[in-house]
PDB file of N, CA and C in Angstrom:
ATOM      1  N   GLN A   1     157.785 132.082 122.287  1.00  0.00           N
ATOM      2  CA  GLN A   1     157.061 133.667 121.040  1.00  0.00           C
ATOM      3  C   GLN A   1     155.690 133.047 120.971  1.00  0.00           C
ATOM      4  N   VAL A   2     154.680 133.833 121.052  1.00  0.00           N
ATOM      5  CA  VAL A   2     152.709 133.110 120.875  1.00  0.00           C
ATOM      6  C   VAL A   2     152.407 134.079 119.935  1.00  0.00           C
ATOM      7  N   GLN A   3     151.542 133.782 118.519  1.00  0.00           N
ATOM      8  CA  GLN A   3     150.577 134.382 117.845  1.00  0.00           C
ATOM      9  C   GLN A   3     149.818 134.018 118.235  1.00  0.00           C
ATOM     10  N   LEU A   4     148.176 135.179 117.955  1.00  0.00           N
ATOM     11  CA  LEU A   4     146.963 134.610 117.697  1.00  0.00           C
ATOM     12  C   LEU A   4     146.704 135.276 116.309  1.00  0.00           C
ATOM     13  N   VAL A   5     145.818 134.758 115.746  1.00  0.00           N
ATOM     14  CA  VAL A   5     145.339 135.486 114.827  1.00  0.00           C
ATOM     15  C   VAL A   5     143.857 134.918 114.844  1.00  0.00           C
ATOM     16  N   GLU A   6     143.277 136.058 114.898  1.00  0.00           N
ATOM     17  CA  GLU A   6     141.415 136.243 114.891  1.00  0.00           C
ATOM     18  C   GLU A   6     140.847 136.205 114.282  1.00  0.00           C
ATOM     19  N   SER A   7     139.267 135.409 113.859  1.00  0.00           N
ATOM     20  CA  SER A   7     138.913 135.111 112.710  1.00  0.00           C
ATOM     21  C   SER A   7     137.360 135.238 112.427  1.00  0.00           C
ATOM     22  N   GLY A   8     136.772 135.191 111.876  1.00  0.00           N
ATOM     23  CA  GLY A   8     135.603 134.765 112.090  1.00  0.00           C
ATOM     24  C   GLY A   8     134.093 136.084 112.364  1.00  0.00           C
ATOM     25  N   GLY A   9     134.614 137.364 112.658  1.00  0.00           N
ATOM     26  CA  GLY A   9     133.845 139.172 112.363  1.00  0.00           C
ATOM     27  C   GLY A   9     133.264 139.183 111.764  1.00  0.00           C
ATOM     28  N   GLY A  10     132.351 140.019 111.660  1.00  0.00           N
ATOM     29  CA  GLY A  10     132.112 140.783 110.081  1.00  0.00           C
ATOM     30  C   GLY A  10     130.294 142.055 110.886  1.00  0.00           C
ATOM     31  N   LEU A  11     129.693 141.928 110.086  1.00  0.00           N
ATOM     32  CA  LEU A  11     128.181 142.679 110.463  1.00  0.00           C
ATOM     33  C   LEU A  11     127.140 142.042 109.565  1.00  0.00           C
ATOM     34  N   VAL A  12     126.834 141.882 111.202  1.00  0.00           N
ATOM     35  CA  VAL A  12     124.590 141.053 110.881  1.00  0.00           C
ATOM     36  C   VAL A  12     123.953 141.746 111.689  1.00  0.00           C
ATOM     37  N   GLN A  13     122.944 140.901 111.826  1.00  0.00           N
ATOM     38  CA  GLN A  13     122.007 142.096 112.350  1.00  0.00           C
ATOM     39  C   GLN A  13     121.272 141.597 113.198  1.00  0.00           C
ATOM     40  N   VAL A  14     120.538 142.354 114.046  1.00  0.00           N
ATOM     41  CA  VAL A  14     119.782 141.595 115.370  1.00  0.00           C
ATOM     42  C   VAL A  14     119.542 140.049 115.699  1.00  0.00           C
ATOM     43  N   GLY A  15     120.232 139.311 116.600  1.00  0.00           N
ATOM     44  CA  GLY A  15     119.876 138.032 116.881  1.00  0.00           C
ATOM     45  C   GLY A  15     120.757 137.008 116.111  1.00  0.00           C
ATOM     46  N   ASP A  16     120.896 138.010 114.955  1.00  0.00           N
ATOM     47  CA  ASP A  16     121.795 136.521 114.588  1.00  0.00           C
ATOM     48  C   ASP A  16     123.434 135.825 115.749  1.00  0.00           C
ATOM     49  N   SER A  17     123.605 134.895 115.172  1.00  0.00           N
ATOM     50  CA  SER A  17     124.922 134.304 115.242  1.00  0.00           C
ATOM     51  C   SER A  17     126.082 134.189 114.721  1.00  0.00           C
ATOM     52  N   LEU A  18     127.763 134.767 115.640  1.00  0.00           N
ATOM     53  CA  LEU A  18     128.600 134.710 114.578  1.00  0.00           C
ATOM     54  C   LEU A  18     129.656 133.780 115.634  1.00  0.00           C
ATOM     55  N   ARG A  19     130.918 132.779 115.117  1.00  0.00           N
ATOM     56  CA  ARG A  19     131.799 132.359 115.495  1.00  0.00           C
ATOM     57  C   ARG A  19     132.687 132.756 114.826  1.00  0.00           C
ATOM     58  N   LEU A  20     133.850 133.192 116.180  1.00  0.00           N
ATOM     59  CA  LEU A  20     134.732 134.322 116.376  1.00  0.00           C
ATOM     60  C   LEU A  20     135.912 132.537 116.188  1.00  0.00           C
ATOM     61  N   SER A  21     137.268 132.484 115.573  1.00  0.00           N
ATOM     62  CA  SER A  21     138.230 131.721 116.019  1.00  0.00           C
ATOM     63  C   SER A  21     139.318 132.774 115.804  1.00  0.00           C
ATOM     64  N   CYS A  22     140.157 131.882 116.876  1.00  0.00           N
ATOM     65  CA  CYS A  22     141.686 132.288 117.152  1.00  0.00           C
ATOM     66  C   CYS A  22     142.907 131.204 117.099  1.00  0.00           C
ATOM     67  N   LEU A  23     143.464 131.131 116.109  1.00  0.00           N
ATOM     68  CA  LEU A  23     144.305 130.046 115.836  1.00  0.00           C
ATOM     69  C   LEU A  23     145.758 130.893 116.674  1.00  0.00           C
ATOM     70  N   ALA A  24     146.159 129.783 117.485  1.00  0.00           N
ATOM     71  CA  ALA A  24     147.264 129.649 118.111  1.00  0.00           C
ATOM     72  C   ALA A  24     148.698 129.276 117.430  1.00  0.00           C
ATOM     73  N   SER A  25     149.810 129.873 117.653  1.00  0.00           N
ATOM     74  CA  SER A  25     150.972 129.048 117.265  1.00  0.00           C
ATOM     75  C   SER A  25     151.533 129.027 118.850  1.00  0.00           C
ATOM     76  N   GLY A  26     152.972 128.027 117.947  1.00  0.00           N
ATOM     77  CA  GLY A  26     153.391 127.478 119.174  1.00  0.00           C
ATOM     78  C   GLY A  26     153.159 125.915 120.082  1.00  0.00           C
ATOM     79  N   ARG A  27     153.484 124.905 120.846  1.00  0.00           N
ATOM     80  CA  ARG A  27     153.065 123.596 121.190  1.00  0.00           C
ATOM     81  C   ARG A  27     152.598 123.848 122.474  1.00  0.00           C
ATOM     82  N   SER A  28     152.306 124.654 123.299  1.00  0.00           N
ATOM     83  CA  SER A  28     152.489 124.804 124.656  1.00  0.00           C
ATOM     84  C   SER A  28     150.745 125.020 125.014  1.00  0.00           C
ATOM     85  N   PHE A  29     149.406 124.678 123.741  1.00  0.00           N
ATOM     86  CA  PHE A  29     148.028 125.795 123.972  1.00  0.00           C
ATOM     87  C   PHE A  29     147.801 125.008 124.600  1.00  0.00           C
ATOM     88  N   SER A  30     147.465 124.601 124.616  1.00  0.00           N
ATOM     89  CA  SER A  30     146.805 123.354 125.646  1.00  0.00           C
ATOM     90  C   SER A  30     146.580 123.481 127.289  1.00  0.00           C
ATOM     91  N   SER A  31     148.226 124.380 127.499  1.00  0.00           N
ATOM     92  CA  SER A  31     148.129 124.514 128.714  1.00  0.00           C
ATOM     93  C   SER A  31     148.556 125.947 129.395  1.00  0.00           C
ATOM     94  N   TYR A  32     148.357 127.025 128.319  1.00  0.00           N
ATOM     95  CA  TYR A  32     147.672 128.474 128.527  1.00  0.00           C
ATOM     96  C   TYR A  32     146.111 128.570 128.460  1.00  0.00           C
ATOM     97  N   ALA A  33     145.544 129.214 129.428  1.00  0.00           N
ATOM     98  CA  ALA A  33     144.153 130.229 129.737  1.00  0.00           C
ATOM     99  C   ALA A  33     144.285 131.046 128.720  1.00  0.00           C
ATOM    100  N   MET A  34     142.962 130.633 128.558  1.00  0.00           N
ATOM    101  CA  MET A  34     143.076 132.047 126.826  1.00  0.00           C
ATOM    102  C   MET A  34     141.562 132.647 127.315  1.00  0.00           C
ATOM    103  N   ALA A  35     141.061 133.672 126.565  1.00  0.00           N
ATOM    104  CA  ALA A  35     140.334 134.493 126.530  1.00  0.00           C
ATOM    105  C   ALA A  35     139.874 135.472 125.716  1.00  0.00           C
ATOM    106  N   TRP A  36     139.093 135.938 124.962  1.00  0.00           N
ATOM    107  CA  TRP A  36     138.297 136.920 124.319  1.00  0.00           C
ATOM    108  C   TRP A  36     138.082 138.290 125.376  1.00  0.00           C
ATOM    109  N   PHE A  37     138.457 139.236 124.458  1.00  0.00           N
ATOM    110  CA  PHE A  37     137.458 140.932 125.336  1.00  0.00           C
ATOM    111  C   PHE A  37     137.484 141.145 123.971  1.00  0.00           C
ATOM    112  N   ARG A  38     136.963 142.397 124.078  1.00  0.00           N
ATOM    113  CA  ARG A  38     136.228 143.117 122.898  1.00  0.00           C
ATOM    114  C   ARG A  38     136.471 145.086 123.618  1.00  0.00           C
ATOM    115  N   GLN A  39     136.120 145.568 123.122  1.00  0.00           N
ATOM    116  CA  GLN A  39     136.649 146.993 122.581  1.00  0.00           C
ATOM    117  C   GLN A  39     135.813 147.717 121.600  1.00  0.00           C
ATOM    118  N   ALA A  40     134.958 148.481 122.519  1.00  0.00           N
ATOM    119  CA  ALA A  40     133.356 149.348 121.763  1.00  0.00           C
ATOM    120  C   ALA A  40     134.743 151.042 121.353  1.00  0.00           C
ATOM    121  N   PRO A  41     134.449 151.387 119.815  1.00  0.00           N
ATOM    122  CA  PRO A  41     134.666 152.824 120.312  1.00  0.00           C
ATOM    123  C   PRO A  41     134.460 153.680 121.185  1.00  0.00           C
ATOM    124  N   GLY A  42     135.241 154.476 122.121  1.00  0.00           N
ATOM    125  CA  GLY A  42     135.292 154.889 122.891  1.00  0.00           C
ATOM    126  C   GLY A  42     135.118 154.536 124.125  1.00  0.00           C
ATOM    127  N   LYS A  43     135.093 153.370 124.940  1.00  0.00           N
ATOM    128  CA  LYS A  43     134.979 152.358 126.122  1.00  0.00           C
ATOM    129  C   LYS A  43     136.281 151.654 125.276  1.00  0.00           C
ATOM    130  N   GLU A  44     137.163 151.691 127.143  1.00  0.00           N
ATOM    131  CA  GLU A  44     137.867 150.874 127.553  1.00  0.00           C
ATOM    132  C   GLU A  44     137.566 149.202 126.989  1.00  0.00           C
ATOM    133  N   ARG A  45     138.304 148.767 126.707  1.00  0.00           N
ATOM    134  CA  ARG A  45     138.586 147.348 126.439  1.00  0.00           C
ATOM    135  C   ARG A  45     137.965 145.794 127.753  1.00  0.00           C
ATOM    136  N   GLU A  46     137.321 145.387 127.723  1.00  0.00           N
ATOM    137  CA  GLU A  46     135.961 144.885 128.628  1.00  0.00           C
ATOM    138  C   GLU A  46     137.037 142.996 128.309  1.00  0.00           C
ATOM    139  N   PHE A  47     136.441 142.754 129.737  1.00  0.00           N
ATOM    140  CA  PHE A  47     136.143 140.860 129.390  1.00  0.00           C
ATOM    141  C   PHE A  47     135.173 140.512 129.262  1.00  0.00           C
ATOM    142  N   VAL A  48     135.539 139.332 127.861  1.00  0.00           N
ATOM    143  CA  VAL A  48     133.810 139.200 127.812  1.00  0.00           C
ATOM    144  C   VAL A  48     133.891 137.610 128.353  1.00  0.00           C
ATOM    145  N   SER A  49     134.799 136.396 127.857  1.00  0.00           N
ATOM    146  CA  SER A  49     134.448 135.218 128.291  1.00  0.00           C
ATOM    147  C   SER A  49     136.419 134.972 128.245  1.00  0.00           C
ATOM    148  N   ALA A  50     136.976 133.495 129.245  1.00  0.00           N
ATOM    149  CA  ALA A  50     138.049 132.778 129.016  1.00  0.00           C
ATOM    150  C   ALA A  50     138.229 131.506 129.842  1.00  0.00           C
ATOM    151  N   ILE A  51     138.341 130.259 129.111  1.00  0.00           N
ATOM    152  CA  ILE A  51     138.645 129.072 129.506  1.00  0.00           C
ATOM    153  C   ILE A  51     139.671 128.656 129.744  1.00  0.00           C
ATOM    154  N   SER A  52     140.209 127.835 130.785  1.00  0.00           N
ATOM    155  CA  SER A  52     140.710 127.654 131.739  1.00  0.00           C
ATOM    156  C   SER A  52     142.226 126.573 130.671  1.00  0.00           C
ATOM    157  N   GLY A  53     143.423 126.424 131.322  1.00  0.00           N
ATOM    158  CA  GLY A  53     144.022 125.677 130.861  1.00  0.00           C
ATOM    159  C   GLY A  53     143.750 123.980 130.828  1.00  0.00           C
ATOM    160  N   ILE A  54     143.292 123.919 132.044  1.00  0.00           N
ATOM    161  CA  ILE A  54     143.008 122.590 132.749  1.00  0.00           C
ATOM    162  C   ILE A  54     142.116 122.423 132.826  1.00  0.00           C
ATOM    163  N   GLY A  55     141.352 121.156 132.567  1.00  0.00           N
ATOM    164  CA  GLY A  55     139.981 121.224 132.926  1.00  0.00           C
ATOM    165  C   GLY A  55     138.882 121.651 132.231  1.00  0.00           C
ATOM    166  N   GLY A  56     139.065 122.914 131.280  1.00  0.00           N
ATOM    167  CA  GLY A  56     138.286 123.305 130.229  1.00  0.00           C
ATOM    168  C   GLY A  56     137.402 124.608 131.663  1.00  0.00           C
ATOM    169  N   GLY A  57     137.559 124.800 132.231  1.00  0.00           N
ATOM    170  CA  GLY A  57     136.709 125.333 133.177  1.00  0.00           C
ATOM    171  C   GLY A  57     136.380 127.226 133.021  1.00  0.00           C
ATOM    172  N   THR A  58     135.654 127.621 132.463  1.00  0.00           N
ATOM    173  CA  THR A  58     134.732 128.727 132.009  1.00  0.00           C
ATOM    174  C   THR A  58     134.507 130.159 132.743  1.00  0.00           C
ATOM    175  N   SER A  59     134.097 131.600 132.217  1.00  0.00           N
ATOM    176  CA  SER A  59     134.060 132.067 132.826  1.00  0.00           C
ATOM    177  C   SER A  59     133.483 132.997 132.373  1.00  0.00           C
ATOM    178  N   TYR A  60     132.706 134.131 132.157  1.00  0.00           N
ATOM    179  CA  TYR A  60     131.945 134.715 131.254  1.00  0.00           C
ATOM    180  C   TYR A  60     131.800 136.261 131.875  1.00  0.00           C
ATOM    181  N   THR A  61     131.522 137.355 131.205  1.00  0.00           N
ATOM    182  CA  THR A  61     130.724 138.428 132.073  1.00  0.00           C
ATOM    183  C   THR A  61     129.461 138.215 132.035  1.00  0.00           C
ATOM    184  N   ASP A  62     128.648 139.117 132.680  1.00  0.00           N
ATOM    185  CA  ASP A  62     127.129 138.718 132.337  1.00  0.00           C
ATOM    186  C   ASP A  62     126.452 139.210 131.802  1.00  0.00           C
ATOM    187  N   SER A  63     126.856 140.227 130.679  1.00  0.00           N
ATOM    188  CA  SER A  63     125.824 140.413 129.472  1.00  0.00           C
ATOM    189  C   SER A  63     126.349 139.432 128.593  1.00  0.00           C
ATOM    190  N   VAL A  64     127.159 138.671 128.325  1.00  0.00           N
ATOM    191  CA  VAL A  64     126.768 137.322 127.401  1.00  0.00           C
ATOM    192  C   VAL A  64     126.366 136.099 128.067  1.00  0.00           C
ATOM    193  N   LYS A  65     126.471 135.772 129.809  1.00  0.00           N
ATOM    194  CA  LYS A  65     125.789 134.397 129.725  1.00  0.00           C
ATOM    195  C   LYS A  65     125.300 133.938 128.789  1.00  0.00           C
ATOM    196  N   GLY A  66     124.223 132.919 129.002  1.00  0.00           N
ATOM    197  CA  GLY A  66     123.439 132.193 128.200  1.00  0.00           C
ATOM    198  C   GLY A  66     123.643 132.388 126.795  1.00  0.00           C
ATOM    199  N   ARG A  67     124.082 133.787 126.296  1.00  0.00           N
ATOM    200  CA  ARG A  67     124.349 133.836 124.743  1.00  0.00           C
ATOM    201  C   ARG A  67     125.895 133.482 124.216  1.00  0.00           C
ATOM    202  N   PHE A  68     126.542 133.583 124.395  1.00  0.00           N
ATOM    203  CA  PHE A  68     128.125 133.374 124.577  1.00  0.00           C
ATOM    204  C   PHE A  68     128.601 131.503 125.185  1.00  0.00           C
ATOM    205  N   THR A  69     129.373 131.377 123.507  1.00  0.00           N
ATOM    206  CA  THR A  69     130.151 129.625 124.477  1.00  0.00           C
ATOM    207  C   THR A  69     131.722 130.139 123.741  1.00  0.00           C
ATOM    208  N   ILE A  70     132.666 129.628 125.241  1.00  0.00           N
ATOM    209  CA  ILE A  70     133.589 129.513 124.793  1.00  0.00           C
ATOM    210  C   ILE A  70     133.863 128.263 124.913  1.00  0.00           C
ATOM    211  N   SER A  71     134.804 128.229 124.297  1.00  0.00           N
ATOM    212  CA  SER A  71     135.673 126.398 123.514  1.00  0.00           C
ATOM    213  C   SER A  71     137.012 126.393 122.992  1.00  0.00           C
ATOM    214  N   ARG A  72     137.832 125.689 122.982  1.00  0.00           N
ATOM    215  CA  ARG A  72     138.844 125.020 122.319  1.00  0.00           C
ATOM    216  C   ARG A  72     139.399 123.280 122.196  1.00  0.00           C
ATOM    217  N   ASP A  73     140.161 123.407 121.221  1.00  0.00           N
ATOM    218  CA  ASP A  73     140.226 122.847 120.717  1.00  0.00           C
ATOM    219  C   ASP A  73     141.546 122.746 120.351  1.00  0.00           C
ATOM    220  N   ASN A  74     142.323 121.993 121.133  1.00  0.00           N
ATOM    221  CA  ASN A  74     143.669 121.823 121.528  1.00  0.00           C
ATOM    222  C   ASN A  74     144.481 120.970 120.298  1.00  0.00           C
ATOM    223  N   ALA A  75     143.709 119.904 119.646  1.00  0.00           N
ATOM    224  CA  ALA A  75     144.651 119.046 118.773  1.00  0.00           C
ATOM    225  C   ALA A  75     144.837 120.510 117.892  1.00  0.00           C
ATOM    226  N   LYS A  76     143.707 121.837 117.770  1.00  0.00           N
ATOM    227  CA  LYS A  76     144.310 122.625 116.279  1.00  0.00           C
ATOM    228  C   LYS A  76     144.505 123.450 116.695  1.00  0.00           C
ATOM    229  N   ASN A  77     144.663 123.836 118.275  1.00  0.00           N
ATOM    230  CA  ASN A  77     145.688 124.993 118.924  1.00  0.00           C
ATOM    231  C   ASN A  77     144.456 126.337 118.439  1.00  0.00           C
ATOM    232  N   THR A  78     143.387 125.893 119.181  1.00  0.00           N
ATOM    233  CA  THR A  78     142.079 127.077 118.797  1.00  0.00           C
ATOM    234  C   THR A  78     141.422 127.185 119.148  1.00  0.00           C
ATOM    235  N   LEU A  79     141.547 128.556 119.117  1.00  0.00           N
ATOM    236  CA  LEU A  79     139.967 128.676 120.284  1.00  0.00           C
ATOM    237  C   LEU A  79     139.025 129.418 119.501  1.00  0.00           C
ATOM    238  N   TYR A  80     137.587 129.489 120.197  1.00  0.00           N
ATOM    239  CA  TYR A  80     136.237 129.689 119.415  1.00  0.00           C
ATOM    240  C   TYR A  80     135.214 130.300 120.453  1.00  0.00           C
ATOM    241  N   LEU A  81     134.705 131.346 119.842  1.00  0.00           N
ATOM    242  CA  LEU A  81     133.419 131.920 120.612  1.00  0.00           C
ATOM    243  C   LEU A  81     132.158 131.946 120.076  1.00  0.00           C
ATOM    244  N   GLN A  82     131.231 130.971 120.483  1.00  0.00           N
ATOM    245  CA  GLN A  82     130.247 130.935 119.722  1.00  0.00           C
ATOM    246  C   GLN A  82     129.281 132.203 120.179  1.00  0.00           C
ATOM    247  N   MET A  83     128.856 133.136 119.083  1.00  0.00           N
ATOM    248  CA  MET A  83     127.993 134.316 119.990  1.00  0.00           C
ATOM    249  C   MET A  83     126.630 134.116 118.960  1.00  0.00           C
ATOM    250  N   ASN A  84     125.432 134.163 120.340  1.00  0.00           N
ATOM    251  CA  ASN A  84     124.249 133.980 119.360  1.00  0.00           C
ATOM    252  C   ASN A  84     123.396 134.707 119.848  1.00  0.00           C
ATOM    253  N   THR A  85     122.844 135.029 119.370  1.00  0.00           N
ATOM    254  CA  THR A  85     121.532 136.570 119.958  1.00  0.00           C
ATOM    255  C   THR A  85     122.005 137.292 120.221  1.00  0.00           C
ATOM    256  N   LEU A  86     122.956 137.486 118.587  1.00  0.00           N
ATOM    257  CA  LEU A  86     123.582 139.275 119.218  1.00  0.00           C
ATOM    258  C   LEU A  86     123.070 140.730 119.489  1.00  0.00           C
ATOM    259  N   ASN A  87     123.153 141.007 119.492  1.00  0.00           N
ATOM    260  CA  ASN A  87     122.486 143.291 119.881  1.00  0.00           C
ATOM    261  C   ASN A  87     123.441 143.449 119.401  1.00  0.00           C
ATOM    262  N   PRO A  88     123.534 145.049 119.193  1.00  0.00           N
ATOM    263  CA  PRO A  88     124.142 145.979 118.610  1.00  0.00           C
ATOM    264  C   PRO A  88     125.101 145.886 120.233  1.00  0.00           C
ATOM    265  N   GLU A  89     124.761 146.034 121.236  1.00  0.00           N
ATOM    266  CA  GLU A  89     125.688 145.988 122.581  1.00  0.00           C
ATOM    267  C   GLU A  89     127.064 145.325 122.116  1.00  0.00           C
ATOM    268  N   ASP A  90     126.808 144.671 121.661  1.00  0.00           N
ATOM    269  CA  ASP A  90     128.118 143.893 121.559  1.00  0.00           C
ATOM    270  C   ASP A  90     129.057 144.127 120.440  1.00  0.00           C
ATOM    271  N   THR A  91     128.802 145.642 119.620  1.00  0.00           N
ATOM    272  CA  THR A  91     129.609 145.739 118.717  1.00  0.00           C
ATOM    273  C   THR A  91     131.253 146.512 119.068  1.00  0.00           C
ATOM    274  N   ALA A  92     131.696 145.046 118.312  1.00  0.00           N
ATOM    275  CA  ALA A  92     133.077 145.784 118.865  1.00  0.00           C
ATOM    276  C   ALA A  92     133.951 145.301 118.150  1.00  0.00           C
ATOM    277  N   VAL A  93     135.112 145.096 117.957  1.00  0.00           N
ATOM    278  CA  VAL A  93     136.505 144.749 118.080  1.00  0.00           C
ATOM    279  C   VAL A  93     136.390 143.500 119.502  1.00  0.00           C
ATOM    280  N   TYR A  94     136.567 142.315 118.470  1.00  0.00           N
ATOM    281  CA  TYR A  94     136.952 140.751 120.075  1.00  0.00           C
ATOM    282  C   TYR A  94     138.635 140.870 119.285  1.00  0.00           C
ATOM    283  N   TYR A  95     139.018 140.732 120.966  1.00  0.00           N
ATOM    284  CA  TYR A  95     140.702 140.374 120.640  1.00  0.00           C
ATOM    285  C   TYR A  95     139.964 138.802 121.743  1.00  0.00           C
ATOM    286  N   CYS A  96     141.421 137.542 120.795  1.00  0.00           N
ATOM    287  CA  CYS A  96     141.318 136.545 121.531  1.00  0.00           C
ATOM    288  C   CYS A  96     143.145 136.618 121.880  1.00  0.00           C
ATOM    289  N   ALA A  97     142.930 136.362 123.330  1.00  0.00           N
ATOM    290  CA  ALA A  97     144.153 136.609 124.314  1.00  0.00           C
ATOM    291  C   ALA A  97     144.625 135.359 125.889  1.00  0.00           C
ATOM    292  N   ALA A  98     145.760 135.415 125.926  1.00  0.00           N
ATOM    293  CA  ALA A  98     146.926 133.826 126.602  1.00  0.00           C
ATOM    294  C   ALA A  98     147.649 134.172 126.980  1.00  0.00           C
ATOM    295  N   ARG A  99     147.476 133.570 128.544  1.00  0.00           N
ATOM    296  CA  ARG A  99     148.981 133.939 129.501  1.00  0.00           C
ATOM    297  C   ARG A  99     149.844 132.352 128.756  1.00  0.00           C
ATOM    298  N   ARG A 100     150.813 133.024 129.073  1.00  0.00           N
ATOM    299  CA  ARG A 100     152.420 132.077 129.083  1.00  0.00           C
ATOM    300  C   ARG A 100     152.107 131.463 130.265  1.00  0.00           C
ATOM    301  N   HIS A 101     152.160 129.922 129.649  1.00  0.00           N
ATOM    302  CA  HIS A 101     152.336 129.161 130.861  1.00  0.00           C
ATOM    303  C   HIS A 101     151.608 128.950 132.208  1.00  0.00           C
ATOM    304  N   GLN A 102     150.147 129.665 132.128  1.00  0.00           N
ATOM    305  CA  GLN A 102     149.403 130.094 133.708  1.00  0.00           C
ATOM    306  C   GLN A 102     148.089 129.187 132.446  1.00  0.00           C
ATOM    307  N   PRO A 103     147.964 128.428 133.967  1.00  0.00           N
ATOM    308  CA  PRO A 103     146.473 127.583 133.217  1.00  0.00           C
ATOM    309  C   PRO A 103     144.990 127.799 133.495  1.00  0.00           C
ATOM    310  N   ILE A 104     145.371 129.366 134.755  1.00  0.00           N
ATOM    311  CA  ILE A 104     144.523 129.273 135.725  1.00  0.00           C
ATOM    312  C   ILE A 104     143.925 130.544 134.684  1.00  0.00           C
ATOM    313  N   ILE A 105     142.272 130.697 134.749  1.00  0.00           N
ATOM    314  CA  ILE A 105     141.736 131.866 134.254  1.00  0.00           C
ATOM    315  C   ILE A 105     142.023 133.348 134.815  1.00  0.00           C
ATOM    316  N   SER A 106     141.978 134.610 133.916  1.00  0.00           N
ATOM    317  CA  SER A 106     142.206 136.243 134.600  1.00  0.00           C
ATOM    318  C   SER A 106     141.704 136.562 133.577  1.00  0.00           C
ATOM    319  N   LYS A 107     140.728 137.113 134.599  1.00  0.00           N
ATOM    320  CA  LYS A 107     139.650 138.502 134.319  1.00  0.00           C
ATOM    321  C   LYS A 107     139.702 140.186 133.793  1.00  0.00           C
ATOM    322  N   SER A 108     141.493 140.058 134.265  1.00  0.00           N
ATOM    323  CA  SER A 108     141.908 141.039 133.919  1.00  0.00           C
ATOM    324  C   SER A 108     143.217 141.104 132.763  1.00  0.00           C
ATOM    325  N   SER A 109     143.670 142.125 132.144  1.00  0.00           N
ATOM    326  CA  SER A 109     143.840 142.526 130.233  1.00  0.00           C
ATOM    327  C   SER A 109     144.797 141.774 130.974  1.00  0.00           C
ATOM    328  N   ALA A 110     145.863 142.972 132.338  1.00  0.00           N
ATOM    329  CA  ALA A 110     147.082 142.391 132.577  1.00  0.00           C
ATOM    330  C   ALA A 110     147.355 141.290 132.932  1.00  0.00           C
ATOM    331  N   GLY A 111     146.916 139.993 132.915  1.00  0.00           N
ATOM    332  CA  GLY A 111     146.871 138.697 133.617  1.00  0.00           C
ATOM    333  C   GLY A 111     147.084 138.160 131.964  1.00  0.00           C
ATOM    334  N   TYR A 112     147.077 138.775 131.328  1.00  0.00           N
ATOM    335  CA  TYR A 112     147.222 137.601 129.809  1.00  0.00           C
ATOM    336  C   TYR A 112     148.698 138.750 128.790  1.00  0.00           C
ATOM    337  N   ASP A 113     149.397 137.779 128.419  1.00  0.00           N
ATOM    338  CA  ASP A 113     151.221 138.147 128.594  1.00  0.00           C
ATOM    339  C   ASP A 113     150.763 137.817 126.207  1.00  0.00           C
ATOM    340  N   TYR A 114     150.026 137.468 125.512  1.00  0.00           N
ATOM    341  CA  TYR A 114     149.574 137.787 124.146  1.00  0.00           C
ATOM    342  C   TYR A 114     148.291 138.120 123.423  1.00  0.00           C
ATOM    343  N   TRP A 115     148.460 138.916 122.833  1.00  0.00           N
ATOM    344  CA  TRP A 115     146.861 139.519 121.994  1.00  0.00           C
ATOM    345  C   TRP A 115     147.012 139.193 120.661  1.00  0.00           C
ATOM    346  N   GLY A 116     145.853 138.559 119.886  1.00  0.00           N
ATOM    347  CA  GLY A 116     145.396 139.080 118.645  1.00  0.00           C
ATOM    348  C   GLY A 116     145.765 140.011 117.841  1.00  0.00           C
ATOM    349  N   GLN A 117     145.274 140.365 117.163  1.00  0.00           N
ATOM    350  CA  GLN A 117     145.251 141.961 116.858  1.00  0.00           C
ATOM    351  C   GLN A 117     143.930 142.203 116.391  1.00  0.00           C
ATOM    352  N   GLY A 118     143.203 141.430 116.478  1.00  0.00           N
ATOM    353  CA  GLY A 118     141.433 141.578 116.819  1.00  0.00           C
ATOM    354  C   GLY A 118     140.468 141.412 114.954  1.00  0.00           C
ATOM    355  N   THR A 119     138.888 141.057 115.510  1.00  0.00           N
ATOM    356  CA  THR A 119     138.624 141.625 114.331  1.00  0.00           C
ATOM    357  C   THR A 119     137.180 141.998 114.496  1.00  0.00           C
ATOM    358  N   GLN A 120     136.357 142.441 113.839  1.00  0.00           N
ATOM    359  CA  GLN A 120     135.337 143.543 113.531  1.00  0.00           C
ATOM    360  C   GLN A 120     134.631 142.370 114.232  1.00  0.00           C
ATOM    361  N   VAL A 121     133.227 142.542 115.143  1.00  0.00           N
ATOM    362  CA  VAL A 121     131.647 142.127 115.403  1.00  0.00           C
ATOM    363  C   VAL A 121     131.196 143.945 114.785  1.00  0.00           C
ATOM    364  N   THR A 122     130.067 143.748 114.067  1.00  0.00           N
ATOM    365  CA  THR A 122     129.419 144.774 113.869  1.00  0.00           C
ATOM    366  C   THR A 122     128.105 144.509 113.867  1.00  0.00           C
ATOM    367  N   VAL A 123     126.843 144.946 114.751  1.00  0.00           N
ATOM    368  CA  VAL A 123     125.289 143.920 115.020  1.00  0.00           C
ATOM    369  C   VAL A 123     124.868 145.253 114.369  1.00  0.00           C
ATOM    370  N   SER A 124     124.354 145.223 113.348  1.00  0.00           N
ATOM    371  CA  SER A 124     123.228 146.494 112.927  1.00  0.00           C
ATOM    372  C   SER A 124     121.627 145.983 113.632  1.00  0.00           C
ATOM    373  N   SER A 125     120.947 147.159 113.939  1.00  0.00           N
ATOM    374  CA  SER A 125     119.510 147.471 114.172  1.00  0.00           C
ATOM    375  C   SER A 125     118.648 147.564 113.077  1.00  0.00           C
TER     376      SER A 125
END
């Protein structure tokens, strides 16, 4: 069983930055592909970014490319999402997710076995 705990959300202004963190329990963190998803009010959960468990390959949805950076610190069992130049369309609850024993990235929420409770990001104009 893997437990994921997100932190770092908050209320910011347009153009500001935030860094989300996701602390994972367990001893196999480095072997898991990890991802960030987000869900805005009235919308479906959508893929934001993912990082592989081997080699650190990354993937981003088009709307965040060049603004968001995903990274991981396997020694700390922590996943990060650096978000720059935030805009109101980034307002959502952000969730981190882990693929159990699977280092390959998936862009589908169905590809992930464990989820955090979410952290709210609100970008005010």
